[in-house]
C-alpha cells in the first residue's frame, strides 16, 4: 500500500538524484573548458575524476 508520503519521498529522492547528476555534469563541462581551474579545488577535481572513471 503506497501512501501520499511514500510518493512524495520517491519524488524528492528522484529530484535529488537529478540535481546531483546535473551538478556533476556542469562541473565536468566547466573543468573540461577551463584547464586553469584544475587543481584549484581538490574536491571538484576528485569528483570530476570519479565521474570520468565511472563512465
Foldseek 3Di string as FASTA:
>chain_A
DDDPVNVVVVVVVVVVVVVVVVVLVVLLVVCVVDVVCPPVDVVSNVSNVVVVVVD
